[in-house]
Amino acid sequence: MTPPAPTDAELNVLIRARLASLGIDLDQLPPGTTADPETGSPGRDSVLASLRSFMRGTVATLAAYQLPAPAGTDPATAAALSQQRAPMLYPSISLEWRK
């Protein structure tokens, strides 16, 4: 069963929380959808609308992406192979970090 799509209010909470964790306060932007005539900063509502659109479209597409499995791979193991780490140019460096 597919979970219901988040509402605008739920996405606003998610966006504000994520931006706050990065130190970005949307309340510094002018309210509404009109840009500030002095600075050119976009309105808070237009920024939230743009970010909601991004979250509904691009994030879902990126989350569904899986790396392709090598040709000739058994379909039963293809999903597991697509979750492996990408190959490294110098794997010995990575091995030293894990000791």
PDB file of N, CA and C in Angstrom:
ATOM      1  N   MET A   1       0.839  -1.175   0.000  1.00  0.00           N
ATOM      2  CA  MET A   1       0.000   0.000   0.000  1.00  0.00           C
ATOM      3  C   MET A   1       0.891   1.249   0.000  1.00  0.00           C
ATOM      4  N   THR A   2       0.597   2.152  -0.873  1.00  0.00           N
ATOM      5  CA  THR A   2       1.365   3.387  -0.979  1.00  0.00           C
ATOM      6  C   THR A   2       0.907   4.371   0.099  1.00  0.00           C
ATOM      7  N   PRO A   3       1.834   4.986   0.812  1.00  0.00           N
ATOM      8  CA  PRO A   3       1.428   5.964   1.821  1.00  0.00           C
ATOM      9  C   PRO A   3       0.822   7.196   1.147  1.00  0.00           C
ATOM     10  N   PRO A   4      -0.062   7.897   1.842  1.00  0.00           N
ATOM     11  CA  PRO A   4      -0.678   9.083   1.235  1.00  0.00           C
ATOM     12  C   PRO A   4       0.367  10.180   1.024  1.00  0.00           C
ATOM     13  N   ALA A   5       0.154  10.970  -0.005  1.00  0.00           N
ATOM     14  CA  ALA A   5       1.069  12.081  -0.289  1.00  0.00           C
ATOM     15  C   ALA A   5       0.976  13.112   0.829  1.00  0.00           C
ATOM     16  N   PRO A   6       2.094  13.721   1.210  1.00  0.00           N
ATOM     17  CA  PRO A   6       2.053  14.719   2.278  1.00  0.00           C
ATOM     18  C   PRO A   6       1.306  15.975   1.840  1.00  0.00           C
ATOM     19  N   THR A   7       0.682  16.620   2.795  1.00  0.00           N
ATOM     20  CA  THR A   7      -0.026  17.869   2.514  1.00  0.00           C
ATOM     21  C   THR A   7       0.974  19.015   2.427  1.00  0.00           C
ATOM     22  N   ASP A   8       0.484  20.161   1.964  1.00  0.00           N
ATOM     23  CA  ASP A   8       1.354  21.335   1.897  1.00  0.00           C
ATOM     24  C   ASP A   8       1.871  21.718   3.285  1.00  0.00           C
ATOM     25  N   ALA A   9       1.015  21.629   4.290  1.00  0.00           N
ATOM     26  CA  ALA A   9       1.428  21.989   5.648  1.00  0.00           C
ATOM     27  C   ALA A   9       2.511  21.046   6.162  1.00  0.00           C
ATOM     28  N   GLU A  10       2.365  19.749   5.882  1.00  0.00           N
ATOM     29  CA  GLU A  10       3.378  18.782   6.317  1.00  0.00           C
ATOM     30  C   GLU A  10       4.709  19.018   5.608  1.00  0.00           C
ATOM     31  N   LEU A  11       4.641  19.317   4.317  1.00  0.00           N
ATOM     32  CA  LEU A  11       5.881  19.612   3.591  1.00  0.00           C
ATOM     33  C   LEU A  11       6.523  20.895   4.087  1.00  0.00           C
ATOM     34  N   ASN A  12       5.712  21.891   4.431  1.00  0.00           N
ATOM     35  CA  ASN A  12       6.266  23.137   4.970  1.00  0.00           C
ATOM     36  C   ASN A  12       7.040  22.876   6.253  1.00  0.00           C
ATOM     37  N   VAL A  13       6.490  22.027   7.122  1.00  0.00           N
ATOM     38  CA  VAL A  13       7.177  21.684   8.377  1.00  0.00           C
ATOM     39  C   VAL A  13       8.499  20.977   8.075  1.00  0.00           C
ATOM     40  N   LEU A  14       8.476  20.022   7.156  1.00  0.00           N
ATOM     41  CA  LEU A  14       9.693  19.303   6.784  1.00  0.00           C
ATOM     42  C   LEU A  14      10.744  20.251   6.207  1.00  0.00           C
ATOM     43  N   ILE A  15      10.316  21.107   5.298  1.00  0.00           N
ATOM     44  CA  ILE A  15      11.250  22.038   4.652  1.00  0.00           C
ATOM     45  C   ILE A  15      11.843  23.000   5.667  1.00  0.00           C
ATOM     46  N   ARG A  16      10.999  23.570   6.499  1.00  0.00           N
ATOM     47  CA  ARG A  16      11.494  24.529   7.508  1.00  0.00           C
ATOM     48  C   ARG A  16      12.453  23.846   8.491  1.00  0.00           C
ATOM     49  N   ALA A  17      12.133  22.613   8.891  1.00  0.00           N
ATOM     50  CA  ALA A  17      13.005  21.899   9.831  1.00  0.00           C
ATOM     51  C   ALA A  17      14.350  21.589   9.191  1.00  0.00           C
ATOM     52  N   ARG A  18      14.329  21.146   7.947  1.00  0.00           N
ATOM     53  CA  ARG A  18      15.585  20.815   7.249  1.00  0.00           C
ATOM     54  C   ARG A  18      16.438  22.063   7.056  1.00  0.00           C
ATOM     55  N   LEU A  19      15.809  23.155   6.644  1.00  0.00           N
ATOM     56  CA  LEU A  19      16.558  24.395   6.458  1.00  0.00           C
ATOM     57  C   LEU A  19      17.070  24.938   7.798  1.00  0.00           C
ATOM     58  N   ALA A  20      16.272  24.801   8.855  1.00  0.00           N
ATOM     59  CA  ALA A  20      16.706  25.267  10.176  1.00  0.00           C
ATOM     60  C   ALA A  20      17.912  24.474  10.652  1.00  0.00           C
ATOM     61  N   SER A  21      17.958  23.177  10.335  1.00  0.00           N
ATOM     62  CA  SER A  21      19.111  22.377  10.745  1.00  0.00           C
ATOM     63  C   SER A  21      20.384  22.816  10.013  1.00  0.00           C
ATOM     64  N   LEU A  22      20.209  23.482   8.875  1.00  0.00           N
ATOM     65  CA  LEU A  22      21.349  24.012   8.127  1.00  0.00           C
ATOM     66  C   LEU A  22      21.647  25.469   8.470  1.00  0.00           C
ATOM     67  N   GLY A  23      20.821  26.053   9.353  1.00  0.00           N
ATOM     68  CA  GLY A  23      21.029  27.440   9.765  1.00  0.00           C
ATOM     69  C   GLY A  23      20.341  28.456   8.872  1.00  0.00           C
ATOM     70  N   ILE A  24      19.358  28.026   8.105  1.00  0.00           N
ATOM     71  CA  ILE A  24      18.639  28.928   7.205  1.00  0.00           C
ATOM     72  C   ILE A  24      17.270  29.211   7.793  1.00  0.00           C
ATOM     73  N   ASP A  25      16.950  30.495   7.961  1.00  0.00           N
ATOM     74  CA  ASP A  25      15.673  30.916   8.529  1.00  0.00           C
ATOM     75  C   ASP A  25      14.842  31.567   7.434  1.00  0.00           C
ATOM     76  N   LEU A  26      13.755  30.927   7.041  1.00  0.00           N
ATOM     77  CA  LEU A  26      12.892  31.479   5.992  1.00  0.00           C
ATOM     78  C   LEU A  26      12.148  32.730   6.446  1.00  0.00           C
ATOM     79  N   ASP A  27      12.067  32.943   7.755  1.00  0.00           N
ATOM     80  CA  ASP A  27      11.381  34.135   8.244  1.00  0.00           C
ATOM     81  C   ASP A  27      12.144  35.412   7.940  1.00  0.00           C
ATOM     82  N   GLN A  28      13.367  35.283   7.469  1.00  0.00           N
ATOM     83  CA  GLN A  28      14.142  36.463   7.071  1.00  0.00           C
ATOM     84  C   GLN A  28      13.695  36.991   5.712  1.00  0.00           C
ATOM     85  N   LEU A  29      12.964  36.171   4.955  1.00  0.00           N
ATOM     86  CA  LEU A  29      12.460  36.593   3.652  1.00  0.00           C
ATOM     87  C   LEU A  29      11.194  37.421   3.826  1.00  0.00           C
ATOM     88  N   PRO A  30      10.885  38.273   2.850  1.00  0.00           N
ATOM     89  CA  PRO A  30       9.647  39.058   2.956  1.00  0.00           C
ATOM     90  C   PRO A  30       8.429  38.139   2.856  1.00  0.00           C
ATOM     91  N   PRO A  31       7.365  38.448   3.601  1.00  0.00           N
ATOM     92  CA  PRO A  31       6.173  37.599   3.547  1.00  0.00           C
ATOM     93  C   PRO A  31       5.483  37.712   2.187  1.00  0.00           C
ATOM     94  N   GLY A  32       4.698  36.692   1.849  1.00  0.00           N
ATOM     95  CA  GLY A  32       3.935  36.717   0.606  1.00  0.00           C
ATOM     96  C   GLY A  32       4.720  36.158  -0.568  1.00  0.00           C
ATOM     97  N   THR A  33       4.237  36.497  -1.759  1.00  0.00           N
ATOM     98  CA  THR A  33       4.861  35.983  -2.974  1.00  0.00           C
ATOM     99  C   THR A  33       5.633  37.042  -3.746  1.00  0.00           C
ATOM    100  N   THR A  34       5.490  38.301  -3.354  1.00  0.00           N
ATOM    101  CA  THR A  34       6.205  39.357  -4.074  1.00  0.00           C
ATOM    102  C   THR A  34       7.628  39.493  -3.555  1.00  0.00           C
ATOM    103  N   ALA A  35       8.528  39.744  -4.486  1.00  0.00           N
ATOM    104  CA  ALA A  35       9.934  39.903  -4.124  1.00  0.00           C
ATOM    105  C   ALA A  35      10.155  41.262  -3.465  1.00  0.00           C
ATOM    106  N   ASP A  36      11.173  41.325  -2.642  1.00  0.00           N
ATOM    107  CA  ASP A  36      11.550  42.576  -1.996  1.00  0.00           C
ATOM    108  C   ASP A  36      12.120  43.514  -3.057  1.00  0.00           C
ATOM    109  N   PRO A  37      11.579  44.733  -3.205  1.00  0.00           N
ATOM    110  CA  PRO A  37      12.062  45.626  -4.260  1.00  0.00           C
ATOM    111  C   PRO A  37      13.501  46.113  -4.040  1.00  0.00           C
ATOM    112  N   GLU A  38      13.946  46.166  -2.797  1.00  0.00           N
ATOM    113  CA  GLU A  38      15.293  46.663  -2.527  1.00  0.00           C
ATOM    114  C   GLU A  38      16.363  45.603  -2.745  1.00  0.00           C
ATOM    115  N   THR A  39      16.111  44.393  -2.261  1.00  0.00           N
ATOM    116  CA  THR A  39      17.138  43.340  -2.331  1.00  0.00           C
ATOM    117  C   THR A  39      16.890  42.326  -3.440  1.00  0.00           C
ATOM    118  N   GLY A  40      15.645  42.231  -3.904  1.00  0.00           N
ATOM    119  CA  GLY A  40      15.322  41.232  -4.911  1.00  0.00           C
ATOM    120  C   GLY A  40      15.085  39.853  -4.329  1.00  0.00           C
ATOM    121  N   SER A  41      15.069  39.749  -3.000  1.00  0.00           N
ATOM    122  CA  SER A  41      14.820  38.450  -2.356  1.00  0.00           C
ATOM    123  C   SER A  41      13.403  37.984  -2.671  1.00  0.00           C
ATOM    124  N   PRO A  42      13.239  36.703  -2.987  1.00  0.00           N
ATOM    125  CA  PRO A  42      11.889  36.210  -3.282  1.00  0.00           C
ATOM    126  C   PRO A  42      11.030  36.183  -2.026  1.00  0.00           C
ATOM    127  N   GLY A  43       9.730  36.182  -2.219  1.00  0.00           N
ATOM    128  CA  GLY A  43       8.809  36.104  -1.093  1.00  0.00           C
ATOM    129  C   GLY A  43       8.832  34.727  -0.461  1.00  0.00           C
ATOM    130  N   ARG A  44       8.534  34.668   0.834  1.00  0.00           N
ATOM    131  CA  ARG A  44       8.568  33.437   1.595  1.00  0.00           C
ATOM    132  C   ARG A  44       7.624  32.383   1.005  1.00  0.00           C
ATOM    133  N   ASP A  45       6.416  32.798   0.637  1.00  0.00           N
ATOM    134  CA  ASP A  45       5.445  31.837   0.108  1.00  0.00           C
ATOM    135  C   ASP A  45       5.881  31.267  -1.236  1.00  0.00           C
ATOM    136  N   SER A  46       6.522  32.093  -2.069  1.00  0.00           N
ATOM    137  CA  SER A  46       6.974  31.574  -3.366  1.00  0.00           C
ATOM    138  C   SER A  46       8.158  30.612  -3.191  1.00  0.00           C
ATOM    139  N   VAL A  47       9.006  30.862  -2.200  1.00  0.00           N
ATOM    140  CA  VAL A  47      10.117  29.945  -1.923  1.00  0.00           C
ATOM    141  C   VAL A  47       9.579  28.607  -1.425  1.00  0.00           C
ATOM    142  N   LEU A  48       8.619  28.646  -0.502  1.00  0.00           N
ATOM    143  CA  LEU A  48       8.037  27.402   0.005  1.00  0.00           C
ATOM    144  C   LEU A  48       7.320  26.636  -1.105  1.00  0.00           C
ATOM    145  N   ALA A  49       6.612  27.344  -1.989  1.00  0.00           N
ATOM    146  CA  ALA A  49       5.924  26.674  -3.100  1.00  0.00           C
ATOM    147  C   ALA A  49       6.929  25.998  -4.023  1.00  0.00           C
ATOM    148  N   SER A  50       8.031  26.662  -4.294  1.00  0.00           N
ATOM    149  CA  SER A  50       9.061  26.089  -5.153  1.00  0.00           C
ATOM    150  C   SER A  50       9.695  24.862  -4.509  1.00  0.00           C
ATOM    151  N   LEU A  51       9.993  24.939  -3.214  1.00  0.00           N
ATOM    152  CA  LEU A  51      10.599  23.809  -2.514  1.00  0.00           C
ATOM    153  C   LEU A  51       9.630  22.638  -2.375  1.00  0.00           C
ATOM    154  N   ARG A  52       8.334  22.925  -2.205  1.00  0.00           N
ATOM    155  CA  ARG A  52       7.335  21.844  -2.166  1.00  0.00           C
ATOM    156  C   ARG A  52       7.278  21.131  -3.515  1.00  0.00           C
ATOM    157  N   SER A  53       7.322  21.890  -4.577  1.00  0.00           N
ATOM    158  CA  SER A  53       7.326  21.303  -5.916  1.00  0.00           C
ATOM    159  C   SER A  53       8.557  20.423  -6.115  1.00  0.00           C
ATOM    160  N   PHE A  54       9.707  20.891  -5.651  1.00  0.00           N
ATOM    161  CA  PHE A  54      10.942  20.115  -5.740  1.00  0.00           C
ATOM    162  C   PHE A  54      10.823  18.820  -4.951  1.00  0.00           C
ATOM    163  N   MET A  55      10.295  18.899  -3.738  1.00  0.00           N
ATOM    164  CA  MET A  55      10.163  17.722  -2.882  1.00  0.00           C
ATOM    165  C   MET A  55       9.211  16.692  -3.490  1.00  0.00           C
ATOM    166  N   ARG A  56       8.141  17.154  -4.113  1.00  0.00           N
ATOM    167  CA  ARG A  56       7.165  16.228  -4.694  1.00  0.00           C
ATOM    168  C   ARG A  56       7.658  15.583  -5.979  1.00  0.00           C
ATOM    169  N   GLY A  57       8.497  16.259  -6.714  1.00  0.00           N
ATOM    170  CA  GLY A  57       8.928  15.739  -8.002  1.00  0.00           C
ATOM    171  C   GLY A  57      10.306  15.128  -7.986  1.00  0.00           C
ATOM    172  N   THR A  58      11.304  15.948  -7.819  1.00  0.00           N
ATOM    173  CA  THR A  58      12.689  15.525  -7.973  1.00  0.00           C
ATOM    174  C   THR A  58      13.126  14.545  -6.897  1.00  0.00           C
ATOM    175  N   VAL A  59      12.768  14.776  -5.659  1.00  0.00           N
ATOM    176  CA  VAL A  59      13.225  13.907  -4.568  1.00  0.00           C
ATOM    177  C   VAL A  59      12.675  12.498  -4.730  1.00  0.00           C
ATOM    178  N   ALA A  60      11.406  12.372  -5.113  1.00  0.00           N
ATOM    179  CA  ALA A  60      10.818  11.045  -5.310  1.00  0.00           C
ATOM    180  C   ALA A  60      11.501  10.318  -6.462  1.00  0.00           C
ATOM    181  N   THR A  61      11.828  11.043  -7.516  1.00  0.00           N
ATOM    182  CA  THR A  61      12.511  10.439  -8.657  1.00  0.00           C
ATOM    183  C   THR A  61      13.901   9.955  -8.261  1.00  0.00           C
ATOM    184  N   LEU A  62      14.634  10.770  -7.520  1.00  0.00           N
ATOM    185  CA  LEU A  62      15.969  10.377  -7.083  1.00  0.00           C
ATOM    186  C   LEU A  62      15.926   9.209  -6.102  1.00  0.00           C
ATOM    187  N   ALA A  63      14.938   9.181  -5.234  1.00  0.00           N
ATOM    188  CA  ALA A  63      14.833   8.103  -4.253  1.00  0.00           C
ATOM    189  C   ALA A  63      14.517   6.767  -4.919  1.00  0.00           C
ATOM    190  N   ALA A  64      13.828   6.800  -6.044  1.00  0.00           N
ATOM    191  CA  ALA A  64      13.455   5.563  -6.726  1.00  0.00           C
ATOM    192  C   ALA A  64      14.573   5.024  -7.613  1.00  0.00           C
ATOM    193  N   TYR A  65      15.619   5.809  -7.840  1.00  0.00           N
ATOM    194  CA  TYR A  65      16.681   5.387  -8.750  1.00  0.00           C
ATOM    195  C   TYR A  65      17.509   4.258  -8.140  1.00  0.00           C
ATOM    196  N   GLN A  66      17.823   3.275  -8.965  1.00  0.00           N
ATOM    197  CA  GLN A  66      18.724   2.200  -8.564  1.00  0.00           C
ATOM    198  C   GLN A  66      19.813   2.074  -9.621  1.00  0.00           C
ATOM    199  N   LEU A  67      21.018   1.835  -9.168  1.00  0.00           N
ATOM    200  CA  LEU A  67      22.105   1.626 -10.113  1.00  0.00           C
ATOM    201  C   LEU A  67      21.819   0.376 -10.933  1.00  0.00           C
ATOM    202  N   PRO A  68      22.120   0.408 -12.218  1.00  0.00           N
ATOM    203  CA  PRO A  68      21.870  -0.784 -13.021  1.00  0.00           C
ATOM    204  C   PRO A  68      22.834  -1.908 -12.651  1.00  0.00           C
ATOM    205  N   ALA A  69      22.315  -3.108 -12.649  1.00  0.00           N
ATOM    206  CA  ALA A  69      23.152  -4.285 -12.379  1.00  0.00           C
ATOM    207  C   ALA A  69      23.911  -4.651 -13.646  1.00  0.00           C
ATOM    208  N   PRO A  70      25.066  -5.294 -13.521  1.00  0.00           N
ATOM    209  CA  PRO A  70      25.828  -5.696 -14.712  1.00  0.00           C
ATOM    210  C   PRO A  70      25.015  -6.615 -15.621  1.00  0.00           C
ATOM    211  N   ALA A  71      25.315  -6.560 -16.900  1.00  0.00           N
ATOM    212  CA  ALA A  71      24.613  -7.395 -17.877  1.00  0.00           C
ATOM    213  C   ALA A  71      24.790  -8.869 -17.530  1.00  0.00           C
ATOM    214  N   GLY A  72      23.740  -9.650 -17.695  1.00  0.00           N
ATOM    215  CA  GLY A  72      23.797 -11.079 -17.426  1.00  0.00           C
ATOM    216  C   GLY A  72      23.578 -11.443 -15.976  1.00  0.00           C
ATOM    217  N   THR A  73      23.249 -10.463 -15.125  1.00  0.00           N
ATOM    218  CA  THR A  73      23.024 -10.734 -13.705  1.00  0.00           C
ATOM    219  C   THR A  73      21.652 -11.364 -13.512  1.00  0.00           C
ATOM    220  N   ASP A  74      21.581 -12.319 -12.629  1.00  0.00           N
ATOM    221  CA  ASP A  74      20.308 -12.952 -12.293  1.00  0.00           C
ATOM    222  C   ASP A  74      19.373 -11.887 -11.728  1.00  0.00           C
ATOM    223  N   PRO A  75      18.139 -11.763 -12.233  1.00  0.00           N
ATOM    224  CA  PRO A  75      17.212 -10.738 -11.732  1.00  0.00           C
ATOM    225  C   PRO A  75      16.947 -10.838 -10.236  1.00  0.00           C
ATOM    226  N   ALA A  76      17.071 -12.030  -9.665  1.00  0.00           N
ATOM    227  CA  ALA A  76      16.827 -12.194  -8.231  1.00  0.00           C
ATOM    228  C   ALA A  76      17.896 -11.482  -7.403  1.00  0.00           C
ATOM    229  N   THR A  77      19.111 -11.373  -7.909  1.00  0.00           N
ATOM    230  CA  THR A  77      20.184 -10.716  -7.165  1.00  0.00           C
ATOM    231  C   THR A  77      20.481  -9.315  -7.684  1.00  0.00           C
ATOM    232  N   ALA A  78      19.804  -8.879  -8.729  1.00  0.00           N
ATOM    233  CA  ALA A  78      20.082  -7.566  -9.320  1.00  0.00           C
ATOM    234  C   ALA A  78      19.800  -6.429  -8.342  1.00  0.00           C
ATOM    235  N   ALA A  79      18.724  -6.517  -7.579  1.00  0.00           N
ATOM    236  CA  ALA A  79      18.391  -5.452  -6.634  1.00  0.00           C
ATOM    237  C   ALA A  79      19.463  -5.315  -5.561  1.00  0.00           C
ATOM    238  N   ALA A  80      19.966  -6.438  -5.069  1.00  0.00           N
ATOM    239  CA  ALA A  80      21.012  -6.393  -4.047  1.00  0.00           C
ATOM    240  C   ALA A  80      22.297  -5.796  -4.607  1.00  0.00           C
ATOM    241  N   LEU A  81      22.620  -6.100  -5.848  1.00  0.00           N
ATOM    242  CA  LEU A  81      23.829  -5.552  -6.456  1.00  0.00           C
ATOM    243  C   LEU A  81      23.737  -4.050  -6.652  1.00  0.00           C
ATOM    244  N   SER A  82      22.537  -3.553  -6.893  1.00  0.00           N
ATOM    245  CA  SER A  82      22.397  -2.122  -7.146  1.00  0.00           C
ATOM    246  C   SER A  82      22.589  -1.300  -5.874  1.00  0.00           C
ATOM    247  N   GLN A  83      22.598  -1.947  -4.707  1.00  0.00           N
ATOM    248  CA  GLN A  83      22.759  -1.227  -3.448  1.00  0.00           C
ATOM    249  C   GLN A  83      24.201  -1.227  -2.946  1.00  0.00           C
ATOM    250  N   GLN A  84      25.115  -1.810  -3.687  1.00  0.00           N
ATOM    251  CA  GLN A  84      26.505  -1.846  -3.248  1.00  0.00           C
ATOM    252  C   GLN A  84      27.163  -0.492  -3.446  1.00  0.00           C
ATOM    253  N   ARG A  85      28.238  -0.278  -2.718  1.00  0.00           N
ATOM    254  CA  ARG A  85      28.983   0.978  -2.834  1.00  0.00           C
ATOM    255  C   ARG A  85      29.594   1.105  -4.218  1.00  0.00           C
ATOM    256  N   ALA A  86      29.749   2.349  -4.645  1.00  0.00           N
ATOM    257  CA  ALA A  86      30.385   2.601  -5.930  1.00  0.00           C
ATOM    258  C   ALA A  86      31.860   2.237  -5.839  1.00  0.00           C
ATOM    259  N   PRO A  87      32.457   1.770  -6.925  1.00  0.00           N
ATOM    260  CA  PRO A  87      33.877   1.424  -6.881  1.00  0.00           C
ATOM    261  C   PRO A  87      34.733   2.649  -6.610  1.00  0.00           C
ATOM    262  N   MET A  88      35.825   2.458  -5.897  1.00  0.00           N
ATOM    263  CA  MET A  88      36.719   3.557  -5.552  1.00  0.00           C
ATOM    264  C   MET A  88      37.978   3.478  -6.398  1.00  0.00           C
ATOM    265  N   LEU A  89      38.542   4.636  -6.688  1.00  0.00           N
ATOM    266  CA  LEU A  89      39.760   4.682  -7.481  1.00  0.00           C
ATOM    267  C   LEU A  89      40.929   4.065  -6.713  1.00  0.00           C
ATOM    268  N   TYR A  90      41.006   4.383  -5.411  1.00  0.00           N
ATOM    269  CA  TYR A  90      42.079   3.856  -4.564  1.00  0.00           C
ATOM    270  C   TYR A  90      41.455   3.169  -3.356  1.00  0.00           C
ATOM    271  N   PRO A  91      41.006   1.913  -3.470  1.00  0.00           N
ATOM    272  CA  PRO A  91      40.322   1.252  -2.360  1.00  0.00           C
ATOM    273  C   PRO A  91      41.208   1.023  -1.147  1.00  0.00           C
ATOM    274  N   SER A  92      42.529   0.986  -1.327  1.00  0.00           N
ATOM    275  CA  SER A  92      43.391   0.729  -0.179  1.00  0.00           C
ATOM    276  C   SER A  92      43.274   1.839   0.857  1.00  0.00           C
ATOM    277  N   ILE A  93      43.002   3.059   0.424  1.00  0.00           N
ATOM    278  CA  ILE A  93      42.828   4.173   1.366  1.00  0.00           C
ATOM    279  C   ILE A  93      41.612   3.913   2.246  1.00  0.00           C
ATOM    280  N   SER A  94      40.536   3.475   1.625  1.00  0.00           N
ATOM    281  CA  SER A  94      39.315   3.189   2.360  1.00  0.00           C
ATOM    282  C   SER A  94      39.518   2.041   3.340  1.00  0.00           C
ATOM    283  N   LEU A  95      40.279   1.055   2.953  1.00  0.00           N
ATOM    284  CA  LEU A  95      40.532  -0.088   3.837  1.00  0.00           C
ATOM    285  C   LEU A  95      41.305   0.343   5.076  1.00  0.00           C
ATOM    286  N   GLU A  96      42.218   1.277   4.958  1.00  0.00           N
ATOM    287  CA  GLU A  96      42.979   1.758   6.105  1.00  0.00           C
ATOM    288  C   GLU A  96      42.078   2.479   7.098  1.00  0.00           C
ATOM    289  N   TRP A  97      41.079   3.188   6.625  1.00  0.00           N
ATOM    290  CA  TRP A  97      40.163   3.897   7.516  1.00  0.00           C
ATOM    291  C   TRP A  97      39.325   2.937   8.337  1.00  0.00           C
ATOM    292  N   ARG A  98      39.081   1.757   7.820  1.00  0.00           N
ATOM    293  CA  ARG A  98      38.184   0.819   8.503  1.00  0.00           C
ATOM    294  C   ARG A  98      38.897  -0.027   9.542  1.00  0.00           C
ATOM    295  N   LYS A  99      40.195   0.074   9.671  1.00  0.00           N
ATOM    296  CA  LYS A  99      40.937  -0.741  10.648  1.00  0.00           C
ATOM    297  C   LYS A  99      40.728  -0.236  12.041  1.00  0.00           C
TER     298      LYS A  99
END
